[in-house]
Amino acid sequence: MGFIHDIRRVIAKLPKKRQNLLFSATFSNEIKQLAQSLLNNPETISVAANNSTSEQVTQYVHHVDKKRKRELLSYLIGTQRWSQVLIFTRTKYGANHLAEQLNKDGIKAAAIHGNKSQGARTKALTDFKDGKITALVATDIAARGLDIEQLPYVVNYDLPHVAEDYVHRIGRTGRAQNRGKAISLVCIDEHPQLKAIEKLIKVQIPQMFTEGFAINPDIKPSPKNKRQKQR
């Protein structure tokens, strides 16, 4: 998240003889290296197995054409009467654009990401928790540490580039003995990310189908930068 330089500056000001505790939502190799550089013979306490997903979260994949993702999302929210859904996009622009489109579809939505002011982020999160908006569209960094009580739905509008981020995303639901659903909208171009996620969590995520939206997931993407000659 860009805090590493701040952490090192703080550490440099502290006494050499001290006690450290390091907390992290995820423990990537980079975090492990940081821990080794800051701590002496540390004990590790973990509340769950590495890169494991909660059994309280029911996961689904919905294969859909990239251009119809927003249409499918609005359809699911409307027909299944979702009252609260956290949606992940890959970019800040994507979060803003999707929130605008959902509002045009009659679904109250707000975006939360790093370019928003702290006041705007706080208001969006408060409105979401209070039920004033149905959909909160977030990027990965903005969603770090979000704790939304009894959140029923998480949607991966875009699959993350890093498979570990998928575990973090869907962990926003199914918390404190509550059950939740995580649905990933996957286009053809995202098949490699889906395979990486399934390999990481050691689970083949079941598919869901919606009449009028489903596509054949076995269709391979066309090679990039290759154009067929027209005769």
Protein backbone atom coordinates (compact mmCIF):
# COMPACT_ATOMS: atom_id res chain seq x y z
CA MET A 1 0.00 0.00 0.00
CA GLY A 2 3.01 2.27 -0.07
CA PHE A 3 3.61 2.46 3.68
CA ILE A 4 6.90 0.58 3.76
CA HIS A 5 9.04 3.73 3.64
CA ASP A 6 7.03 5.28 6.50
CA ILE A 7 7.45 2.12 8.56
CA ARG A 8 11.21 2.14 8.07
CA ARG A 9 11.40 5.83 9.06
CA VAL A 10 9.46 5.13 12.26
CA ILE A 11 11.61 2.07 13.08
CA ALA A 12 14.76 4.18 12.68
CA LYS A 13 13.54 6.52 15.44
CA LEU A 14 12.81 3.72 17.94
CA PRO A 15 15.21 2.30 20.55
CA LYS A 16 17.19 -0.74 19.40
CA LYS A 17 16.00 -2.68 22.43
CA ARG A 18 12.23 -2.90 22.14
CA GLN A 19 9.28 -5.25 21.73
CA ASN A 20 7.53 -5.46 18.35
CA LEU A 21 4.20 -6.92 17.29
CA LEU A 22 3.38 -7.08 13.57
CA PHE A 23 -0.20 -7.52 12.39
CA SER A 24 -1.17 -8.11 8.76
CA ALA A 25 -4.35 -9.25 7.02
CA THR A 26 -2.23 -11.22 4.55
CA PHE A 27 1.28 -12.62 4.80
CA SER A 28 2.89 -12.51 1.39
CA ASN A 29 6.59 -13.24 0.91
CA GLU A 30 7.27 -9.48 1.05
CA ILE A 31 5.54 -9.20 4.43
CA LYS A 32 7.49 -12.20 5.72
CA GLN A 33 10.76 -10.57 4.64
CA LEU A 34 9.72 -7.35 6.38
CA ALA A 35 8.93 -9.29 9.57
CA GLN A 36 12.33 -10.98 9.51
CA SER A 37 14.05 -7.61 9.13
CA LEU A 38 12.18 -6.04 12.07
CA LEU A 39 11.76 -8.90 14.52
CA ASN A 40 14.11 -11.24 16.39
CA ASN A 41 13.06 -14.90 16.44
CA PRO A 42 9.37 -14.02 16.07
CA GLU A 43 6.52 -16.34 17.01
CA THR A 44 3.83 -16.56 14.35
CA ILE A 45 0.14 -16.74 15.21
CA SER A 46 -2.34 -17.34 12.37
CA VAL A 47 -6.12 -17.55 12.63
CA ALA A 48 -6.45 -19.52 9.39
CA ALA A 49 -4.39 -21.58 6.97
CA ASN A 50 -2.47 -19.62 4.37
CA ASN A 51 -4.59 -18.60 1.36
CA SER A 52 -7.59 -20.58 2.57
CA THR A 53 -11.16 -19.43 2.04
CA SER A 54 -13.86 -19.63 4.69
CA GLU A 55 -16.34 -22.49 4.46
CA GLN A 56 -18.99 -19.93 5.38
CA VAL A 57 -18.55 -18.25 1.99
CA THR A 58 -20.30 -19.88 -0.96
CA GLN A 59 -18.31 -19.14 -4.10
CA TYR A 60 -19.55 -18.96 -7.69
CA VAL A 61 -18.14 -18.08 -11.10
CA HIS A 62 -20.38 -16.61 -13.78
CA HIS A 63 -18.88 -16.61 -17.28
CA VAL A 64 -20.10 -13.58 -19.18
CA ASP A 65 -19.10 -11.38 -22.09
CA LYS A 66 -16.99 -8.46 -20.91
CA LYS A 67 -19.38 -5.90 -22.43
CA ARG A 68 -22.35 -7.38 -20.54
CA LYS A 69 -20.88 -7.50 -17.05
CA ARG A 70 -22.61 -4.35 -15.85
CA GLU A 71 -25.91 -5.47 -17.35
CA LEU A 72 -25.64 -8.84 -15.60
CA LEU A 73 -24.68 -7.23 -12.30
CA SER A 74 -27.68 -4.89 -12.38
CA TYR A 75 -29.92 -7.82 -13.29
CA LEU A 76 -28.68 -9.93 -10.36
CA ILE A 77 -29.03 -7.07 -7.87
CA GLY A 78 -32.54 -6.25 -9.11
CA THR A 79 -34.04 -9.71 -9.61
CA GLN A 80 -32.51 -11.26 -6.49
CA ARG A 81 -33.23 -8.15 -4.42
CA TRP A 82 -29.75 -7.71 -3.02
CA SER A 83 -29.83 -5.00 -0.39
CA GLN A 84 -26.08 -4.79 0.22
CA VAL A 85 -23.24 -5.80 -2.09
CA LEU A 86 -19.54 -4.95 -2.09
CA ILE A 87 -18.13 -4.90 -5.62
CA PHE A 88 -14.45 -5.03 -6.54
CA THR A 89 -12.97 -3.45 -9.66
CA ARG A 90 -9.35 -3.41 -10.75
CA THR A 91 -8.98 0.34 -11.29
CA LYS A 92 -10.15 3.64 -9.75
CA TYR A 93 -11.62 4.72 -13.07
CA GLY A 94 -13.48 1.42 -13.30
CA ALA A 95 -14.93 1.92 -9.82
CA ASN A 96 -16.16 5.42 -10.65
CA HIS A 97 -17.61 4.38 -14.00
CA LEU A 98 -19.40 1.31 -12.61
CA ALA A 99 -20.91 3.31 -9.72
CA GLU A 100 -22.22 5.88 -12.22
CA GLN A 101 -23.72 3.15 -14.43
CA LEU A 102 -25.41 1.42 -11.49
CA ASN A 103 -26.96 4.72 -10.40
CA LYS A 104 -28.32 5.16 -13.93
CA ASP A 105 -29.82 1.67 -13.62
CA GLY A 106 -31.68 2.80 -10.52
CA ILE A 107 -29.33 1.11 -8.05
CA LYS A 108 -27.93 3.47 -5.43
CA ALA A 109 -24.14 3.11 -5.52
CA ALA A 110 -20.95 4.87 -4.49
CA ALA A 111 -17.27 4.34 -5.26
CA ILE A 112 -14.43 4.15 -2.76
CA HIS A 113 -10.76 4.28 -3.77
CA GLY A 114 -7.44 6.01 -3.13
CA ASN A 115 -8.26 9.16 -5.10
CA LYS A 116 -11.28 9.90 -2.92
CA SER A 117 -10.82 12.17 0.08
CA GLN A 118 -10.99 10.64 3.55
CA GLY A 119 -14.31 12.43 4.07
CA ALA A 120 -15.77 11.00 0.87
CA ARG A 121 -14.59 7.48 1.74
CA THR A 122 -16.02 7.71 5.25
CA LYS A 123 -19.38 8.99 3.97
CA ALA A 124 -19.63 6.26 1.32
CA LEU A 125 -18.84 3.53 3.87
CA THR A 126 -21.27 4.97 6.45
CA ASP A 127 -24.06 5.23 3.87
CA PHE A 128 -23.38 1.64 2.82
CA LYS A 129 -23.50 0.33 6.39
CA ASP A 130 -26.66 2.33 7.12
CA GLY A 131 -28.43 0.95 4.04
CA LYS A 132 -28.65 4.30 2.25
CA ILE A 133 -26.85 2.83 -0.75
CA THR A 134 -27.06 -0.72 -2.09
CA ALA A 135 -23.70 -1.11 -3.82
CA LEU A 136 -20.24 -0.03 -2.71
CA VAL A 137 -17.71 -0.24 -5.55
CA ALA A 138 -14.13 -0.51 -4.31
CA THR A 139 -10.57 -1.11 -5.42
CA ASP A 140 -8.36 -3.54 -3.49
CA ILE A 141 -6.37 -0.90 -1.62
CA ALA A 142 -9.46 1.04 -0.52
CA ALA A 143 -11.09 -2.13 0.78
CA ARG A 144 -8.17 -3.16 3.01
CA GLY A 145 -9.40 -3.59 6.54
CA LEU A 146 -13.07 -2.96 5.74
CA ASP A 147 -15.26 -4.64 8.34
CA ILE A 148 -18.92 -4.54 7.35
CA GLU A 149 -21.13 -6.45 9.76
CA GLN A 150 -23.16 -9.27 8.17
CA LEU A 151 -22.23 -8.31 4.60
CA PRO A 152 -24.18 -10.84 2.47
CA TYR A 153 -22.62 -10.43 -1.00
CA VAL A 154 -19.22 -9.77 -2.57
CA VAL A 155 -18.86 -9.50 -6.35
CA ASN A 156 -15.58 -9.61 -8.25
CA TYR A 157 -16.50 -7.43 -11.21
CA ASP A 158 -12.87 -7.73 -12.31
CA LEU A 159 -10.69 -10.60 -11.18
CA PRO A 160 -7.52 -9.43 -9.40
CA HIS A 161 -4.14 -9.81 -11.07
CA VAL A 162 -2.73 -11.32 -7.86
CA ALA A 163 -4.53 -14.51 -6.82
CA GLU A 164 -3.99 -13.87 -3.09
CA ASP A 165 -6.12 -10.72 -3.38
CA TYR A 166 -9.12 -12.90 -4.23
CA VAL A 167 -8.92 -14.53 -0.79
CA HIS A 168 -8.78 -11.12 0.86
CA ARG A 169 -11.70 -9.80 -1.19
CA ILE A 170 -14.17 -12.59 -0.49
CA GLY A 171 -13.13 -12.58 3.17
CA ARG A 172 -15.20 -9.40 3.57
CA THR A 173 -18.29 -11.65 3.73
CA GLY A 174 -18.97 -14.80 5.77
CA ARG A 175 -17.51 -13.30 8.94
CA ALA A 176 -18.31 -13.96 12.63
CA GLN A 177 -20.29 -17.15 11.97
CA ASN A 178 -22.43 -15.47 9.30
CA ARG A 179 -22.77 -16.95 5.83
CA GLY A 180 -22.12 -15.05 2.61
CA LYS A 181 -21.85 -15.39 -1.15
CA ALA A 182 -18.97 -14.40 -3.44
CA ILE A 183 -19.65 -14.20 -7.16
CA SER A 184 -16.98 -13.60 -9.79
CA LEU A 185 -17.98 -12.26 -13.21
CA VAL A 186 -15.39 -13.74 -15.55
CA CYS A 187 -14.85 -12.87 -19.20
CA ILE A 188 -12.69 -14.84 -21.63
CA ASP A 189 -9.62 -12.66 -21.05
CA GLU A 190 -9.70 -13.46 -17.32
CA HIS A 191 -9.43 -17.25 -17.60
CA PRO A 192 -5.71 -17.25 -16.63
CA GLN A 193 -6.48 -15.31 -13.43
CA LEU A 194 -9.33 -17.73 -12.62
CA LYS A 195 -7.03 -20.74 -13.05
CA ALA A 196 -4.42 -19.11 -10.80
CA ILE A 197 -7.05 -18.47 -8.11
CA GLU A 198 -8.37 -22.04 -8.21
CA LYS A 199 -4.84 -23.39 -8.03
CA LEU A 200 -4.09 -21.20 -5.02
CA ILE A 201 -7.20 -22.10 -3.01
CA LYS A 202 -7.20 -25.72 -4.27
CA VAL A 203 -10.87 -25.50 -5.18
CA GLN A 204 -12.66 -25.59 -8.52
CA ILE A 205 -15.21 -22.82 -8.10
CA PRO A 206 -18.69 -23.94 -9.24
CA GLN A 207 -20.35 -22.12 -12.12
CA MET A 208 -23.66 -20.31 -12.01
CA PHE A 209 -25.80 -19.54 -15.03
CA THR A 210 -28.28 -16.79 -15.79
CA GLU A 211 -30.55 -17.20 -18.79
CA GLY A 212 -29.63 -14.79 -21.53
CA PHE A 213 -26.12 -14.05 -20.16
CA ALA A 214 -24.23 -17.36 -20.03
CA ILE A 215 -21.40 -18.02 -22.48
CA ASN A 216 -19.32 -21.11 -23.17
CA PRO A 217 -16.28 -20.95 -20.83
CA ASP A 218 -14.34 -23.35 -23.08
CA ILE A 219 -14.06 -20.79 -25.88
CA LYS A 220 -10.45 -19.65 -26.11
CA PRO A 221 -9.57 -15.96 -26.46
CA SER A 222 -8.29 -14.87 -29.84
CA PRO A 223 -4.51 -14.29 -30.05
CA LYS A 224 -3.74 -10.64 -29.46
CA ASN A 225 -2.44 -8.43 -32.26
CA LYS A 226 -3.57 -10.97 -34.87
CA ARG A 227 -5.96 -9.82 -37.53
CA GLN A 228 -7.53 -12.05 -40.13
CA LYS A 229 -7.09 -10.86 -43.65
CA GLN A 230 -10.36 -9.96 -45.31
CA ARG A 231 -10.84 -11.18 -48.82
